[in-house]
Protein backbone atom coordinates (compact mmCIF):
# COMPACT_ATOMS: atom_id res chain seq x y z
CA MET A 1 19.92 -8.80 -10.01
CA LYS A 2 21.04 -9.39 -13.53
CA GLU A 3 18.78 -7.74 -16.42
CA LEU A 4 16.28 -5.74 -13.76
CA GLU A 5 18.74 -3.18 -12.39
CA PHE A 6 17.51 -2.30 -9.04
CA MET A 7 20.28 -0.09 -6.94
CA LYS A 8 19.78 -1.40 -4.50
CA GLY A 9 11.38 -5.66 6.41
CA SER A 10 9.00 -7.16 7.32
CA VAL A 11 5.75 -4.95 7.00
CA ILE A 12 2.50 -5.74 6.19
CA GLY A 13 -0.10 -3.11 4.22
CA LEU A 14 -0.23 0.53 3.96
CA VAL A 15 -2.88 2.84 3.14
CA VAL A 16 -3.42 6.57 2.98
CA VAL A 17 -4.75 8.18 5.94
CA GLY A 18 -5.27 12.05 6.03
CA SER A 19 -1.47 12.79 4.40
CA GLY A 20 0.39 9.41 5.30
CA LEU A 21 0.57 6.34 4.21
CA LEU A 22 0.26 3.87 7.09
CA ALA A 23 0.90 0.46 7.11
CA VAL A 24 -1.04 -2.34 9.35
CA THR A 25 0.43 -4.54 11.74
CA ALA A 26 3.90 -2.70 11.90
CA THR A 27 4.95 -0.23 8.92
CA SER A 28 3.72 2.85 7.12
CA LEU A 29 4.21 4.93 4.21
CA THR A 30 3.09 7.77 2.45
CA GLY A 31 2.02 8.10 -0.85
CA ASN A 32 2.70 8.49 -4.85
CA PRO A 33 2.67 10.91 -8.31
CA ALA A 34 0.72 10.38 -11.32
CA VAL A 35 -1.73 7.18 -11.25
CA SER A 36 -2.03 8.78 -14.86
CA GLY A 37 1.29 7.73 -15.52
CA LYS A 38 2.61 11.27 -16.54
CA ALA A 39 6.33 12.38 -16.22
CA THR A 40 6.40 13.64 -12.86
CA SER A 41 9.60 13.40 -10.30
CA VAL A 42 8.88 13.28 -6.82
CA ALA A 43 12.06 12.40 -5.50
CA ASN A 44 12.55 16.30 -3.96
CA ARG A 45 8.71 15.16 -2.16
CA THR A 46 9.53 12.60 -0.08
CA THR A 47 11.29 12.02 3.13
CA PRO A 48 12.62 9.12 5.01
CA GLY A 49 10.04 6.60 5.57
CA SER A 50 7.62 7.84 3.13
CA VAL A 51 6.29 7.64 -0.35
CA PRO A 52 4.51 9.97 -2.47
CA ASP A 53 0.76 9.57 -1.95
CA THR A 54 -0.35 8.92 -5.68
CA TYR A 55 0.92 5.51 -5.47
CA ALA A 56 -0.41 4.51 -2.40
CA PRO A 57 -3.75 2.20 -4.18
CA LEU A 58 -0.69 0.87 -6.38
CA PHE A 59 1.41 -0.72 -3.54
CA SER A 60 -1.61 -1.44 -1.52
CA ALA A 61 -2.82 -3.82 -4.25
CA TRP A 62 -0.10 -5.08 -5.51
CA GLY A 63 2.11 -5.60 -2.74
CA ASN A 64 -0.08 -8.68 -1.75
CA GLU A 65 0.71 -10.05 -4.68
CA CYS A 66 2.07 -13.32 -2.99
CA ASP A 67 3.39 -14.18 0.31
CA ALA A 68 7.09 -13.23 -0.22
CA LEU A 69 5.95 -9.93 -0.79
CA THR A 70 4.04 -6.78 1.32
CA PRO A 71 3.28 -3.51 0.23
CA SER A 72 6.19 -2.17 2.25
CA ILE A 73 8.89 -4.11 0.39
CA LEU A 74 7.56 -3.27 -2.96
CA ALA A 75 7.44 0.39 -1.63
CA ALA A 76 10.94 -0.14 -0.48
CA GLN A 77 12.22 -1.25 -3.58
CA ILE A 78 10.79 1.19 -5.64
CA LYS A 79 12.14 3.97 -3.49
CA GLN A 80 15.51 2.24 -3.54
CA GLU A 81 15.51 1.97 -7.58
CA SER A 82 14.47 5.39 -8.63
CA GLN A 83 13.36 7.55 -5.60
CA PHE A 84 9.80 7.07 -6.96
CA ASN A 85 10.59 8.73 -10.05
CA PRO A 86 8.51 7.61 -13.12
CA ARG A 87 11.03 8.73 -15.66
CA ALA A 88 14.30 7.57 -14.06
CA LYS A 89 17.04 6.04 -16.55
CA SER A 90 20.00 4.72 -15.53
CA PRO A 91 23.44 4.80 -17.53
CA ALA A 92 22.99 1.08 -17.93
CA GLY A 93 19.46 1.68 -19.75
CA ALA A 94 17.29 0.52 -16.73
CA ARG A 95 14.00 2.85 -17.19
CA GLY A 96 11.13 3.88 -15.33
CA ILE A 97 9.95 3.81 -11.85
CA ALA A 98 11.10 0.15 -11.21
CA GLN A 99 14.16 0.53 -13.60
CA PHE A 100 13.46 -2.30 -15.68
CA MET A 101 15.99 -3.09 -18.31
CA PRO A 102 14.57 -3.56 -21.87
CA LYS A 103 14.86 -7.13 -22.31
CA THR A 104 13.55 -8.00 -19.05
CA TRP A 105 10.84 -5.67 -19.37
CA GLU A 106 9.86 -7.35 -22.74
CA SER A 107 9.58 -10.59 -21.10
CA SER A 108 7.88 -9.43 -17.68
CA GLY A 109 6.28 -6.13 -18.56
CA PHE A 110 2.62 -6.25 -17.37
CA ASP A 111 -0.32 -4.14 -18.44
CA GLY A 112 -1.35 -3.44 -14.90
CA ASN A 113 -4.09 -1.23 -15.85
CA GLY A 114 -5.54 -2.49 -18.23
CA ASP A 115 -5.65 -0.02 -21.02
CA GLY A 116 -4.04 -1.84 -23.82
CA ASP A 117 -0.53 -0.46 -23.69
CA LYS A 118 2.33 -2.18 -21.66
CA ASN A 119 4.31 0.87 -20.95
CA VAL A 120 7.46 0.96 -18.93
CA TRP A 121 7.33 4.50 -18.17
CA ASP A 122 3.39 4.10 -16.74
CA PRO A 123 3.90 3.26 -12.65
CA GLU A 124 0.38 1.86 -13.24
CA ASP A 125 2.23 -0.68 -15.27
CA ALA A 126 6.01 -0.73 -14.16
CA ILE A 127 4.86 -1.04 -10.32
CA PRO A 128 2.69 -4.26 -11.06
CA SER A 129 5.40 -5.80 -13.24
CA ALA A 130 7.88 -5.18 -10.38
CA ALA A 131 5.57 -7.41 -8.08
CA LYS A 132 4.91 -10.02 -10.30
CA TYR A 133 8.68 -10.16 -11.02
CA MET A 134 9.55 -10.49 -7.53
CA CYS A 135 6.89 -13.38 -6.96
CA SER A 136 8.12 -15.06 -9.94
CA VAL A 137 11.55 -14.97 -8.47
CA SER A 138 10.14 -16.34 -4.93
CA ARG A 139 8.19 -19.38 -6.97
CA GLU A 140 11.78 -20.19 -8.66
CA LEU A 141 13.09 -20.58 -5.04
CA LYS A 142 10.39 -22.70 -3.56
CA GLY A 143 12.20 -25.43 -1.22
CA ILE A 144 15.09 -23.16 -0.51
CA PRO A 145 15.35 -23.00 3.45
CA GLY A 146 14.77 -19.33 4.93
CA ASP A 147 12.71 -16.41 5.04
CA LYS A 148 10.87 -15.99 1.64
CA THR A 149 10.79 -12.38 1.57
CA ARG A 150 14.89 -12.23 2.10
CA LEU A 151 15.19 -15.27 -0.24
CA ALA A 152 13.34 -13.54 -3.06
CA LEU A 153 15.26 -10.01 -2.70
CA ALA A 154 18.30 -11.80 -2.85
CA GLY A 155 17.25 -13.89 -6.15
CA TYR A 156 15.99 -10.94 -7.19
CA ASN A 157 19.35 -9.00 -7.03
CA ALA A 158 22.02 -12.01 -7.80
CA GLY A 159 19.22 -14.37 -10.17
CA PRO A 160 17.63 -16.98 -8.40
CA GLY A 161 20.21 -19.67 -9.64
CA ALA A 162 22.74 -17.81 -7.40
CA VAL A 163 20.49 -18.45 -4.45
CA GLN A 164 20.01 -21.91 -5.32
CA LYS A 165 23.73 -22.62 -5.62
CA TYR A 166 24.08 -21.63 -2.04
CA ARG A 167 20.54 -22.59 -0.93
CA GLY A 168 20.28 -19.54 0.91
CA ILE A 169 21.35 -15.64 0.11
CA PRO A 170 24.61 -16.01 -1.88
CA PRO A 171 27.67 -14.54 -0.22
CA TYR A 172 27.97 -11.65 -2.51
CA ARG A 173 28.47 -8.35 -0.70
CA GLU A 174 25.88 -6.38 -3.10
CA THR A 175 23.54 -8.91 -2.54
CA GLU A 176 23.70 -8.63 1.38
CA GLU A 177 23.55 -5.13 1.36
CA TYR A 178 20.81 -5.23 -0.86
CA VAL A 179 18.41 -7.43 1.12
CA ALA A 180 19.64 -5.43 4.42
CA THR A 181 19.00 -2.10 2.75
CA ILE A 182 15.65 -3.21 1.61
CA MET A 183 14.34 -4.44 4.71
CA ALA A 184 15.63 -1.86 6.65
CA SER A 185 13.92 0.61 4.48
CA ALA A 186 10.43 -1.11 5.12
CA ALA A 187 10.71 -1.28 8.45
CA LYS A 188 11.90 2.78 8.66
CA MET A 189 8.62 3.25 6.97
CA GLY A 190 6.59 1.85 9.80
CA GLN A 191 4.98 4.40 12.70
CA ALA A 192 2.73 3.58 15.58
CA VAL A 193 -0.74 4.71 14.81
CA SER A 194 -3.82 5.06 16.73
CA GLY A 195 -7.53 5.64 16.47
CA GLN A 196 -9.08 6.29 13.18
CA GLY A 197 -5.60 5.47 11.52
CA ASN A 198 -5.39 2.08 12.98
CA ILE A 199 -9.22 1.08 11.64
CA ALA A 200 -8.56 2.61 7.97
CA VAL A 201 -4.90 0.72 7.87
CA GLU A 202 -6.70 -2.73 8.81
CA ALA A 203 -9.76 -2.50 6.77
CA VAL A 204 -8.04 -1.18 3.87
CA ASN A 205 -5.23 -3.96 4.08
CA TYR A 206 -7.59 -6.71 4.55
CA ALA A 207 -10.25 -5.46 1.71
CA SER A 208 -6.76 -5.19 -0.65
CA ALA A 209 -5.83 -8.52 0.23
CA GLN A 210 -9.31 -9.86 -1.46
CA ILE A 211 -8.49 -7.84 -4.68
CA GLY A 212 -9.45 -10.79 -7.68
CA LYS A 213 -11.65 -12.89 -5.59
CA ASP A 214 -15.50 -13.23 -7.02
CA TYR A 215 -18.23 -11.10 -6.67
CA VAL A 216 -21.10 -13.31 -4.68
CA TRP A 217 -24.22 -12.18 -3.96
CA GLY A 218 -24.60 -11.97 -0.22
CA GLY A 219 -21.12 -13.27 0.20
CA ASN A 220 -18.91 -12.09 2.95
CA GLY A 221 -16.11 -14.45 2.34
CA ASP A 222 -16.41 -16.82 5.23
CA THR A 223 -17.69 -19.86 3.52
CA ASP A 224 -17.96 -19.01 -0.45
CA GLY A 225 -14.46 -17.13 -0.70
CA GLY A 226 -16.20 -13.81 -2.37
CA PHE A 227 -18.12 -10.95 -1.45
CA ASP A 228 -20.67 -8.41 -2.17
CA CYS A 229 -19.87 -5.10 -1.72
CA SER A 230 -21.24 -4.68 1.58
CA GLY A 231 -20.15 -8.12 2.48
CA LEU A 232 -16.26 -6.76 1.76
CA THR A 233 -16.78 -3.54 3.65
CA LYS A 234 -18.33 -5.33 6.58
CA ALA A 235 -15.54 -8.04 6.55
CA ALA A 236 -12.86 -5.72 6.19
CA PHE A 237 -14.07 -2.97 9.24
CA SER A 238 -14.81 -6.51 11.44
CA GLN A 239 -10.99 -6.67 11.06
CA ALA A 240 -10.85 -3.35 12.82
CA GLY A 241 -12.83 -4.35 15.42
CA VAL A 242 -15.88 -2.47 14.32
CA THR A 243 -18.99 -4.35 13.39
CA LEU A 244 -20.74 -2.43 10.57
CA PRO A 245 -24.59 -3.29 9.52
CA ARG A 246 -24.55 -5.79 6.78
CA VAL A 247 -26.36 -4.03 3.68
CA ALA A 248 -25.31 -0.38 2.32
CA SER A 249 -28.02 1.58 3.12
CA ALA A 250 -27.42 0.43 6.61
CA GLN A 251 -24.17 1.12 6.73
CA TYR A 252 -24.65 5.02 5.30
CA THR A 253 -27.40 5.41 8.05
CA TYR A 254 -25.18 3.68 10.97
CA LEU A 255 -22.57 6.62 10.08
CA GLU A 256 -25.38 9.40 9.48
CA ASN A 257 -26.30 8.56 13.13
CA ASP A 258 -22.95 8.65 14.27
CA GLY A 259 -22.62 11.95 12.92
CA ALA A 260 -19.87 10.71 10.94
CA LEU A 261 -20.37 11.27 7.43
CA VAL A 262 -17.87 13.47 5.56
CA ASP A 263 -17.90 15.90 2.74
CA LYS A 264 -16.52 14.70 -0.54
CA ASP A 265 -13.65 17.60 -0.42
CA ASP A 266 -12.64 15.66 2.74
CA LEU A 267 -12.65 12.19 1.81
CA SER A 268 -9.51 10.10 3.19
CA ILE A 269 -8.59 6.86 2.45
CA GLY A 270 -10.73 4.06 4.37
CA ASP A 271 -13.85 6.30 4.13
CA LEU A 272 -16.91 4.18 3.09
CA ILE A 273 -18.25 5.60 -0.08
CA PHE A 274 -21.91 5.17 -1.02
CA PHE A 275 -23.66 4.84 -4.62
CA SER A 276 -27.07 4.41 -5.98
CA GLN A 277 -28.15 3.72 -9.51
CA LYS A 278 -31.39 5.77 -9.04
CA LYS A 279 -29.19 9.21 -9.13
CA ARG A 280 -28.82 8.61 -13.04
CA THR A 281 -32.51 8.99 -13.57
CA GLY A 282 -33.42 11.24 -10.90
CA LYS A 283 -33.68 12.00 -7.39
CA ALA A 284 -32.46 9.69 -4.98
CA THR A 285 -32.63 9.22 -0.88
CA PRO A 286 -30.43 7.62 1.33
CA ALA A 287 -33.15 4.90 1.17
CA ASP A 288 -31.95 4.10 -2.45
CA ILE A 289 -28.44 3.15 -1.63
CA ASP A 290 -27.29 0.12 -3.55
CA HIS A 291 -23.33 -0.05 -3.50
CA VAL A 292 -20.78 0.60 -0.91
CA GLY A 293 -16.77 0.56 -1.43
CA ILE A 294 -13.82 1.90 0.28
CA TYR A 295 -11.97 5.10 -0.60
CA LEU A 296 -8.51 4.48 -1.66
CA GLY A 297 -7.61 8.28 -2.72
CA LYS A 298 -7.02 10.46 -5.65
CA GLY A 299 -10.68 9.65 -6.93
CA TYR A 300 -10.18 5.86 -6.79
CA PHE A 301 -11.71 3.07 -4.52
CA LEU A 302 -11.84 -0.75 -3.66
CA ASN A 303 -15.21 -2.53 -4.00
CA ALA A 304 -16.67 -5.84 -5.17
CA PRO A 305 -18.62 -4.53 -7.99
CA ARG A 306 -21.26 -6.55 -9.48
CA THR A 307 -22.08 -10.29 -10.53
CA GLY A 308 -19.44 -11.70 -13.04
CA ALA A 309 -16.76 -9.30 -11.60
CA LYS A 310 -13.84 -9.39 -9.29
CA VAL A 311 -12.85 -7.36 -5.97
CA ARG A 312 -11.15 -4.62 -7.62
CA ILE A 313 -9.81 -0.89 -7.33
CA GLU A 314 -11.38 1.54 -9.95
CA LYS A 315 -12.29 5.26 -10.37
CA VAL A 316 -15.33 6.72 -8.17
CA TRP A 317 -18.36 6.57 -9.60
CA TRP A 318 -19.12 10.14 -9.62
CA ASP A 319 -22.27 9.93 -11.31
CA THR A 320 -23.94 8.01 -8.63
CA TYR A 321 -22.23 9.18 -5.94
CA MET A 322 -24.59 9.57 -2.62
CA GLY A 323 -22.02 10.36 0.38
CA SER A 324 -19.23 9.06 2.58
CA GLY A 325 -18.57 8.69 5.74
CA ARG A 326 -15.46 7.57 8.42
CA VAL A 327 -15.63 4.43 10.41
CA TYR A 328 -14.25 4.86 14.27
CA PRO A 329 -13.53 2.87 17.14
CA LYS A 330 -16.41 1.41 18.89
CA THR A 331 -16.91 -0.48 22.15
CA THR A 332 -20.40 -2.06 21.48
CA ASN A 333 -21.34 -3.98 18.12
CA THR A 334 -24.38 -2.86 15.89
CA LYS A 335 -27.64 -4.54 15.38
CA GLU A 336 -27.61 -7.09 12.46
CA VAL A 337 -29.41 -5.06 9.30
């Protein structure tokens, strides 16, 4: 790659379940440091096939930015570049967890967390920027025959012009090794999962793929393309073979009746998390629950928040938090509510 100095399979999504970040369909990863962007080196906290669990929401959200990219591919790239160290700096001047060169960051850096500061040292900005850059390379290679992911990786390493010149992966040893290394690294992050793990993985991967879609009252994604809060959770867990009731309060009751409620301190990624606006003004009961989302770990959740907003990841609304529950496999469908 020319200015974005990465040292340089195909897997689908990822989600932290317990202590690990498991990827849907084939792969799995584990985690991340400092969503806050603090300078925390985590290279010595990782093992082969793993990622630091703090970065899970970022890889899950931004790894679906385009069809040439997956969360596992994005994680494998970042691991290769910096070993997940947000303070990494190369002798050539590449900076941060994604190892952007200054010129490339100036033109391609993105304020991923929307705090008004495009900071190459902040993983919340650098990881989304790496995803967007990868996708921009892929768009330049439209029409070139071959696997989109491998072509994008080659263009990311050698430059899109080289891929266009050779109508495929250019015969450069460094580029060929880079593509092979990233694909193999992503594949090694995969692991077989079962039971609750599969459900959480499939639900979170489905929900994260809806990020950016409109909030639509009563929407479940089938015909209108948008979702309301419980429509999103219902659709996500439907992907894992579990039919939830339609509204948030009924989903809470469904889990309560199954003995599947979990304490706040025991939350795991993939758990449903419930809220009530009435809690701000006084006592609220489960019947007052008016919102639900999917917990992503480290105090973040994914949800369809309100009219005029889009499906997104944000910090948990602890001031209106009512409880949470874990969805387990079911052999029978629940009654629609």
